[in-house]
Amino acid sequence: MSKRKLSRQQRWRIEKIQAERSRRAEQRDAKDSHKLAAGEYGPERPGRVIAHYGRTLDVQGDDSAASVRCHLRANLEGLVTGDRITWRAAQDAEGNVVEGVVVARSERDNVLERPDARGQLKPVAANIDQILIVFAVEPAPHPNLIDRYLVAAEATGIAPVLVLNKIDLLPESGGELRALLARYEALGYPVVATTTAREAGLDDLLARLAGRTSVFVGQSGVGKSSLIDRLLPDESLRIGALSKDSRKGTHTTTTARLYRLPSADAAELIDSPGIREFGLMHLDEQQVAEGFIEFRDLLGRCRFRDCRHRQEPGCALLEAVERGEIHPERFASFRHIVDSLNET
């Protein structure tokens, strides 16, 4: 598809808007530089980005529980929730911190990205120890969606953990969900069962969160915000009810935000915007295959170097399915993901 040509007036308007934005950014930067030179900001201190709002950030100092609204220097772009930064605080006449300015960003351990509607990778959060993939009895989880999250997590190098929520709604026998959980546990993935309907329903989750920075992902309605509301009783989170007709959730979280849990040792949790399907269009077929951990030792062992793992003779993956080493549903999920990428 060819790009739409802009008229001369449209180009002039776009350039004018961009120039005005640059001018305002330079004015803000000059103002901050003047304050720094005048000593209105205190010494540099380490902190963490708690939330991001365009040109302003909520920052929490390593030595403080309160967050401070900070300006972003014009030469600092692309900061996300979870970034470790260096900032300087401004105080009022009574010594209270009233604002701040972020002056530098530390090197990241990792960054979680997901494609936007145009397929462009967009950073969501940084410096994460584990991705908590939340699913629930309602809305009914689909193995292929869980596999998509796992592939996306494996591509980032961030350890995934499966969290089954609302277990109070499970039948006594456990049903198909128990079998599904056993399949992922057999692959080595940690699985945590939770519920907010019981007093001790979050004990296993708290143990998993301790000492780690975690991010919640999962389709809408699985109870991510409800879990955080219980984990953080002092925070007020807007929780969306399930639609009575569709039994699908409504989106409630709009900005990724980092919380420090008072009930777990050194635990930090990032609540990210709810998404129903984790886009993988930025990955190719080889990267998707590598995201299925039971495939890894077999990749490159097919008879033909260009094997597409369909009906080719000597395909190592197909032979592993026949031997029972790869679950047929996992292989079918792999093929479904690859086919969806080709359609995109």
Protein backbone atom coordinates (compact mmCIF):
# COMPACT_ATOMS: atom_id res chain seq x y z
CA MET A 1 0.00 0.00 0.00
CA SER A 2 1.49 3.38 -1.04
CA LYS A 3 1.79 6.16 1.48
CA ARG A 4 -0.82 8.89 1.36
CA LYS A 5 0.66 12.09 -0.05
CA LEU A 6 0.26 15.18 2.09
CA SER A 7 -0.63 18.53 0.65
CA ARG A 8 1.68 21.47 1.07
CA GLN A 9 -0.63 22.98 3.70
CA GLN A 10 -0.77 19.69 5.64
CA ARG A 11 3.05 19.41 5.64
CA TRP A 12 3.33 23.01 6.83
CA ARG A 13 0.84 22.39 9.63
CA ILE A 14 2.67 19.23 10.78
CA GLU A 15 6.03 21.03 10.77
CA LYS A 16 4.52 23.92 12.72
CA ILE A 17 3.11 21.59 15.37
CA GLN A 18 6.42 19.73 15.72
CA ALA A 19 8.35 22.99 15.95
CA GLU A 20 6.01 24.25 18.68
CA ARG A 21 6.43 21.02 20.64
CA SER A 22 10.21 21.26 20.36
CA ARG A 23 10.12 24.89 21.49
CA ARG A 24 8.04 24.04 24.57
CA ALA A 25 10.36 21.15 25.41
CA GLU A 26 13.40 23.44 25.11
CA GLN A 27 11.72 26.00 27.38
CA ARG A 28 11.00 23.33 30.00
CA ASP A 29 14.57 22.08 29.77
CA ALA A 30 15.96 25.59 30.05
CA LYS A 31 13.74 26.26 33.06
CA ASP A 32 14.90 23.07 34.76
CA SER A 33 18.54 23.89 33.96
CA HIS A 34 18.10 27.34 35.47
CA LYS A 35 16.61 25.84 38.62
CA LEU A 36 19.44 23.32 38.84
CA ALA A 37 22.04 26.06 38.44
CA ALA A 38 20.27 28.23 41.00
CA GLY A 39 20.26 25.41 43.51
CA GLU A 40 16.48 25.10 43.63
CA TYR A 41 16.80 21.34 43.18
CA GLY A 42 18.61 19.22 45.73
CA PRO A 43 21.39 16.68 45.17
CA GLU A 44 21.08 13.74 42.82
CA ARG A 45 19.39 10.66 44.24
CA PRO A 46 18.38 7.24 42.90
CA GLY A 47 14.73 6.40 42.22
CA ARG A 48 12.30 4.33 40.21
CA VAL A 49 9.68 5.40 37.67
CA ILE A 50 6.31 4.49 39.19
CA ALA A 51 4.11 5.77 36.35
CA HIS A 52 4.52 7.69 33.11
CA TYR A 53 2.29 10.54 31.89
CA GLY A 54 3.86 11.93 28.74
CA ARG A 55 6.38 14.60 29.77
CA THR A 56 5.86 14.01 33.50
CA LEU A 57 6.58 10.99 35.68
CA ASP A 58 5.72 9.71 39.12
CA VAL A 59 9.02 8.85 40.79
CA GLN A 60 9.64 7.04 44.05
CA GLY A 61 12.96 7.50 45.75
CA ASP A 62 14.84 4.50 47.08
CA ASP A 63 14.71 6.08 50.54
CA SER A 64 11.05 7.14 50.48
CA ALA A 65 7.62 5.53 50.25
CA ALA A 66 5.96 8.64 48.76
CA SER A 67 5.93 9.32 45.02
CA VAL A 68 6.84 12.68 43.53
CA ARG A 69 5.64 14.18 40.25
CA CYS A 70 8.76 14.91 38.17
CA HIS A 71 9.46 16.69 34.93
CA LEU A 72 11.36 14.93 32.19
CA ARG A 73 14.45 16.57 30.73
CA ALA A 74 14.07 17.18 27.00
CA ASN A 75 17.06 14.97 26.18
CA LEU A 76 15.54 11.99 27.99
CA GLU A 77 13.08 10.03 25.87
CA GLY A 78 11.48 6.63 26.09
CA LEU A 79 11.29 6.23 29.87
CA VAL A 80 8.81 3.61 31.06
CA THR A 81 7.42 2.34 34.32
CA GLY A 82 10.09 0.39 36.21
CA ASP A 83 13.05 2.38 34.89
CA ARG A 84 15.74 3.11 37.46
CA ILE A 85 16.65 6.77 37.24
CA THR A 86 18.60 9.60 38.84
CA TRP A 87 16.51 12.58 39.91
CA ARG A 88 16.69 15.79 41.92
CA ALA A 89 13.96 17.11 44.20
CA ALA A 90 12.70 20.63 44.87
CA GLN A 91 11.42 21.49 48.36
CA ASP A 92 9.09 24.16 49.69
CA ALA A 93 9.88 26.53 52.58
CA GLU A 94 8.91 23.84 55.08
CA GLY A 95 11.26 21.26 53.59
CA ASN A 96 8.58 19.16 51.88
CA VAL A 97 9.39 17.72 48.46
CA VAL A 98 6.96 19.29 46.02
CA GLU A 99 8.36 18.32 42.60
CA GLY A 100 11.42 16.94 40.90
CA VAL A 101 13.33 16.59 37.66
CA VAL A 102 14.71 13.37 36.19
CA VAL A 103 18.27 13.91 35.00
CA ALA A 104 19.43 10.42 33.91
CA ARG A 105 18.30 6.85 33.30
CA SER A 106 20.28 3.84 34.48
CA GLU A 107 21.01 0.86 32.24
CA ARG A 108 18.09 -1.54 31.96
CA ASP A 109 18.21 -5.24 32.82
CA ASN A 110 15.41 -5.85 30.33
CA VAL A 111 12.37 -4.21 28.80
CA LEU A 112 8.92 -5.62 28.09
CA GLU A 113 7.57 -4.53 24.70
CA ARG A 114 4.39 -5.29 22.83
CA PRO A 115 3.26 -4.27 19.34
CA ASP A 116 0.72 -1.49 18.98
CA ALA A 117 -2.12 -1.46 16.42
CA ARG A 118 0.37 -0.62 13.63
CA GLY A 119 2.80 -3.37 14.56
CA GLN A 120 5.32 -0.96 16.07
CA LEU A 121 7.00 -2.26 19.23
CA LYS A 122 6.05 -0.16 22.24
CA PRO A 123 7.87 -0.47 25.59
CA VAL A 124 5.54 -1.20 28.51
CA ALA A 125 7.83 -1.69 31.50
CA ALA A 126 11.48 -2.23 32.38
CA ASN A 127 13.65 -4.12 34.89
CA ILE A 128 11.24 -6.99 35.47
CA ASP A 129 12.07 -10.27 37.20
CA GLN A 130 9.00 -12.24 36.17
CA ILE A 131 5.86 -11.99 34.03
CA LEU A 132 2.73 -13.19 35.79
CA ILE A 133 0.37 -14.55 33.13
CA VAL A 134 -3.03 -14.38 34.80
CA PHE A 135 -5.95 -16.46 33.60
CA ALA A 136 -9.12 -17.52 35.37
CA VAL A 137 -12.00 -19.93 35.47
CA GLU A 138 -14.08 -17.07 34.03
CA PRO A 139 -13.62 -15.92 31.34
CA ALA A 140 -12.67 -19.39 30.15
CA PRO A 141 -8.95 -19.57 29.31
CA HIS A 142 -7.84 -20.67 25.87
CA PRO A 143 -4.58 -22.64 25.68
CA ASN A 144 -3.55 -20.84 22.51
CA LEU A 145 -3.81 -17.47 24.26
CA ILE A 146 -1.70 -18.75 27.15
CA ASP A 147 0.83 -20.06 24.63
CA ARG A 148 0.97 -16.64 23.00
CA TYR A 149 1.83 -15.03 26.32
CA LEU A 150 4.46 -17.69 26.97
CA VAL A 151 6.06 -17.18 23.54
CA ALA A 152 6.09 -13.41 24.09
CA ALA A 153 7.64 -13.87 27.53
CA GLU A 154 10.29 -16.27 26.23
CA ALA A 155 11.19 -13.76 23.49
CA THR A 156 11.92 -11.09 26.13
CA GLY A 157 14.03 -13.39 28.30
CA ILE A 158 11.81 -12.61 31.32
CA ALA A 159 10.73 -15.64 33.36
CA PRO A 160 6.98 -16.39 32.99
CA VAL A 161 4.72 -17.65 35.79
CA LEU A 162 1.18 -18.91 35.22
CA VAL A 163 -1.39 -17.63 37.72
CA LEU A 164 -4.78 -19.32 37.83
CA ASN A 165 -7.24 -16.95 39.49
CA LYS A 166 -10.77 -17.47 40.82
CA ILE A 167 -10.10 -21.08 41.83
CA ASP A 168 -13.14 -20.89 44.11
CA LEU A 169 -15.18 -21.34 40.91
CA LEU A 170 -13.43 -24.58 39.97
CA PRO A 171 -15.41 -27.83 40.24
CA GLU A 172 -14.14 -30.26 42.85
CA SER A 173 -12.70 -32.53 40.18
CA GLY A 174 -10.73 -29.65 38.70
CA GLY A 175 -11.97 -30.47 35.22
CA GLU A 176 -10.04 -29.60 32.07
CA LEU A 177 -8.22 -26.74 33.79
CA ARG A 178 -6.37 -29.09 36.12
CA ALA A 179 -5.20 -31.13 33.14
CA LEU A 180 -4.13 -27.94 31.39
CA LEU A 181 -2.14 -26.82 34.44
CA ALA A 182 -0.44 -30.20 34.71
CA ARG A 183 0.67 -29.92 31.09
CA TYR A 184 2.45 -26.60 31.71
CA GLU A 185 3.91 -27.75 35.02
CA ALA A 186 5.39 -30.76 33.24
CA LEU A 187 7.21 -28.31 30.95
CA GLY A 188 8.75 -26.62 33.99
CA TYR A 189 6.58 -23.52 34.19
CA PRO A 190 5.69 -22.40 37.74
CA VAL A 191 1.94 -22.38 38.36
CA VAL A 192 0.26 -20.46 41.19
CA ALA A 193 -3.42 -20.82 42.13
CA THR A 194 -5.20 -17.83 43.72
CA THR A 195 -8.55 -16.50 44.79
CA THR A 196 -9.74 -13.34 46.49
CA ALA A 197 -12.76 -15.19 47.93
CA ARG A 198 -10.78 -16.90 50.70
CA GLU A 199 -8.73 -15.47 53.56
CA ALA A 200 -5.56 -17.39 52.65
CA GLY A 201 -6.23 -17.42 48.91
CA LEU A 202 -3.22 -15.23 48.07
CA ASP A 203 -0.57 -16.89 50.26
CA ASP A 204 1.11 -18.77 47.41
CA LEU A 205 1.06 -15.67 45.22
CA LEU A 206 2.66 -13.53 47.96
CA ALA A 207 5.42 -16.08 48.34
CA ARG A 208 6.08 -15.92 44.61
CA LEU A 209 6.16 -12.10 44.59
CA ALA A 210 8.61 -11.71 47.48
CA GLY A 211 11.92 -10.13 46.48
CA ARG A 212 10.93 -9.71 42.82
CA THR A 213 9.60 -7.09 40.42
CA SER A 214 6.65 -8.63 38.62
CA VAL A 215 4.28 -7.54 35.88
CA PHE A 216 0.71 -8.80 35.45
CA VAL A 217 -0.51 -9.60 31.95
CA GLY A 218 -3.63 -11.40 30.80
CA GLN A 219 -6.90 -10.92 28.99
CA SER A 220 -9.45 -8.55 30.48
CA GLY A 221 -11.72 -9.86 33.20
CA VAL A 222 -9.32 -12.40 34.69
CA GLY A 223 -9.04 -10.34 37.88
CA LYS A 224 -5.64 -8.65 37.66
CA SER A 225 -6.91 -5.44 39.26
CA SER A 226 -8.91 -7.40 41.84
CA LEU A 227 -5.77 -9.26 42.88
CA ILE A 228 -3.80 -6.05 43.20
CA ASP A 229 -6.62 -4.45 45.14
CA ARG A 230 -6.29 -7.24 47.71
CA LEU A 231 -2.50 -7.12 47.68
CA LEU A 232 -2.54 -3.34 48.11
CA PRO A 233 -5.39 -2.48 50.48
CA ASP A 234 -4.33 1.17 50.67
CA GLU A 235 -4.59 1.67 46.91
CA SER A 236 -7.84 2.44 45.16
CA LEU A 237 -8.12 0.56 41.88
CA ARG A 238 -11.11 0.72 39.58
CA ILE A 239 -12.35 -2.81 38.97
CA GLY A 240 -14.46 -3.67 35.94
CA ALA A 241 -17.29 -6.17 36.27
CA LEU A 242 -17.75 -9.00 33.83
CA SER A 243 -20.35 -8.41 31.18
CA LYS A 244 -23.36 -10.61 31.96
CA ASP A 245 -23.85 -11.32 28.27
CA SER A 246 -20.36 -11.99 26.97
CA ARG A 247 -18.65 -13.00 30.25
CA LYS A 248 -15.67 -11.02 29.00
CA GLY A 249 -13.99 -8.35 31.03
CA THR A 250 -14.00 -4.61 30.56
CA HIS A 251 -10.73 -2.69 30.36
CA THR A 252 -10.05 -0.81 33.60
CA THR A 253 -6.33 -0.01 33.70
CA THR A 254 -5.03 2.72 31.39
CA THR A 255 -1.49 3.44 32.64
CA ALA A 256 1.16 0.93 33.68
CA ARG A 257 1.94 1.63 37.34
CA LEU A 258 4.42 0.13 39.81
CA TYR A 259 3.36 -0.70 43.36
CA ARG A 260 5.44 -1.76 46.33
CA LEU A 261 3.67 -4.41 48.37
CA PRO A 262 3.58 -3.89 52.14
CA SER A 263 2.73 -7.54 52.81
CA ALA A 264 5.65 -9.17 50.95
CA ASP A 265 9.37 -8.75 51.42
CA ALA A 266 10.82 -6.32 48.81
CA ALA A 267 8.05 -7.12 46.35
CA GLU A 268 7.19 -4.75 43.49
CA LEU A 269 4.32 -5.24 41.10
CA ILE A 270 3.49 -3.53 37.82
CA ASP A 271 -0.13 -3.41 36.67
CA SER A 272 -0.20 -3.05 32.88
CA PRO A 273 -3.09 -2.13 30.56
CA GLY A 274 -5.36 -5.11 29.97
CA ILE A 275 -5.06 -6.79 26.60
CA ARG A 276 -7.08 -9.71 25.31
CA GLU A 277 -4.47 -11.04 22.90
CA PHE A 278 -0.74 -10.52 23.08
CA GLY A 279 0.38 -9.49 19.60
CA LEU A 280 3.28 -11.45 18.14
CA MET A 281 3.55 -9.91 14.69
CA HIS A 282 7.06 -8.67 15.53
CA LEU A 283 8.30 -12.29 15.73
CA ASP A 284 9.18 -14.60 12.84
CA GLU A 285 8.45 -18.32 12.58
CA GLN A 286 11.83 -19.31 14.03
CA GLN A 287 11.36 -17.05 17.07
CA VAL A 288 7.90 -18.49 17.66
CA ALA A 289 9.30 -22.03 17.53
CA GLU A 290 11.99 -21.09 20.04
CA GLY A 291 9.24 -19.76 22.31
CA PHE A 292 7.98 -23.33 22.74
CA ILE A 293 10.59 -24.56 25.18
CA GLU A 294 10.05 -28.27 24.41
CA PHE A 295 10.94 -27.58 20.75
CA ARG A 296 14.38 -26.10 21.38
CA ASP A 297 16.49 -29.27 21.49
CA LEU A 298 14.83 -30.47 18.27
CA LEU A 299 15.17 -27.31 16.18
CA GLY A 300 17.77 -27.76 13.47
CA ARG A 301 17.47 -31.56 13.52
CA CYS A 302 14.96 -31.88 10.68
CA ARG A 303 16.06 -33.66 7.51
CA PHE A 304 15.62 -30.49 5.46
CA ARG A 305 17.14 -27.20 6.58
CA ASP A 306 14.12 -25.23 5.33
CA CYS A 307 11.59 -27.51 7.06
CA ARG A 308 8.35 -25.68 7.90
CA HIS A 309 7.20 -28.41 10.31
CA ARG A 310 4.06 -29.25 8.38
CA GLN A 311 4.11 -32.52 6.42
CA GLU A 312 7.78 -32.68 5.45
CA PRO A 313 9.42 -36.12 5.81
CA GLY A 314 12.02 -36.29 8.54
CA CYS A 315 10.56 -33.36 10.53
CA ALA A 316 11.97 -33.65 14.05
CA LEU A 317 8.99 -31.88 15.60
CA LEU A 318 6.37 -34.08 13.92
CA GLU A 319 8.29 -37.19 14.93
CA ALA A 320 8.40 -35.92 18.52
CA VAL A 321 4.63 -35.44 18.45
CA GLU A 322 4.20 -39.04 17.27
CA ARG A 323 6.47 -40.28 20.06
CA GLY A 324 4.45 -38.33 22.64
CA GLU A 325 7.34 -35.99 23.52
CA ILE A 326 5.40 -32.94 22.30
CA HIS A 327 1.73 -32.60 23.22
CA PRO A 328 -0.45 -32.49 20.07
CA GLU A 329 -2.35 -29.44 21.35
CA ARG A 330 0.88 -27.53 21.92
CA PHE A 331 2.02 -28.34 18.39
CA ALA A 332 -1.38 -27.32 17.02
CA SER A 333 -1.08 -24.07 18.98
CA PHE A 334 2.33 -23.46 17.40
CA ARG A 335 0.90 -23.98 13.93
CA HIS A 336 -2.06 -21.69 14.70
CA ILE A 337 0.27 -18.89 15.84
CA VAL A 338 2.52 -19.22 12.78
CA ASP A 339 -0.49 -19.24 10.44
CA SER A 340 -1.87 -16.12 12.09
CA LEU A 341 1.48 -14.38 11.57
CA ASN A 342 1.46 -15.30 7.89
CA GLU A 343 -2.09 -13.93 7.55
CA THR A 344 -0.99 -10.67 9.17
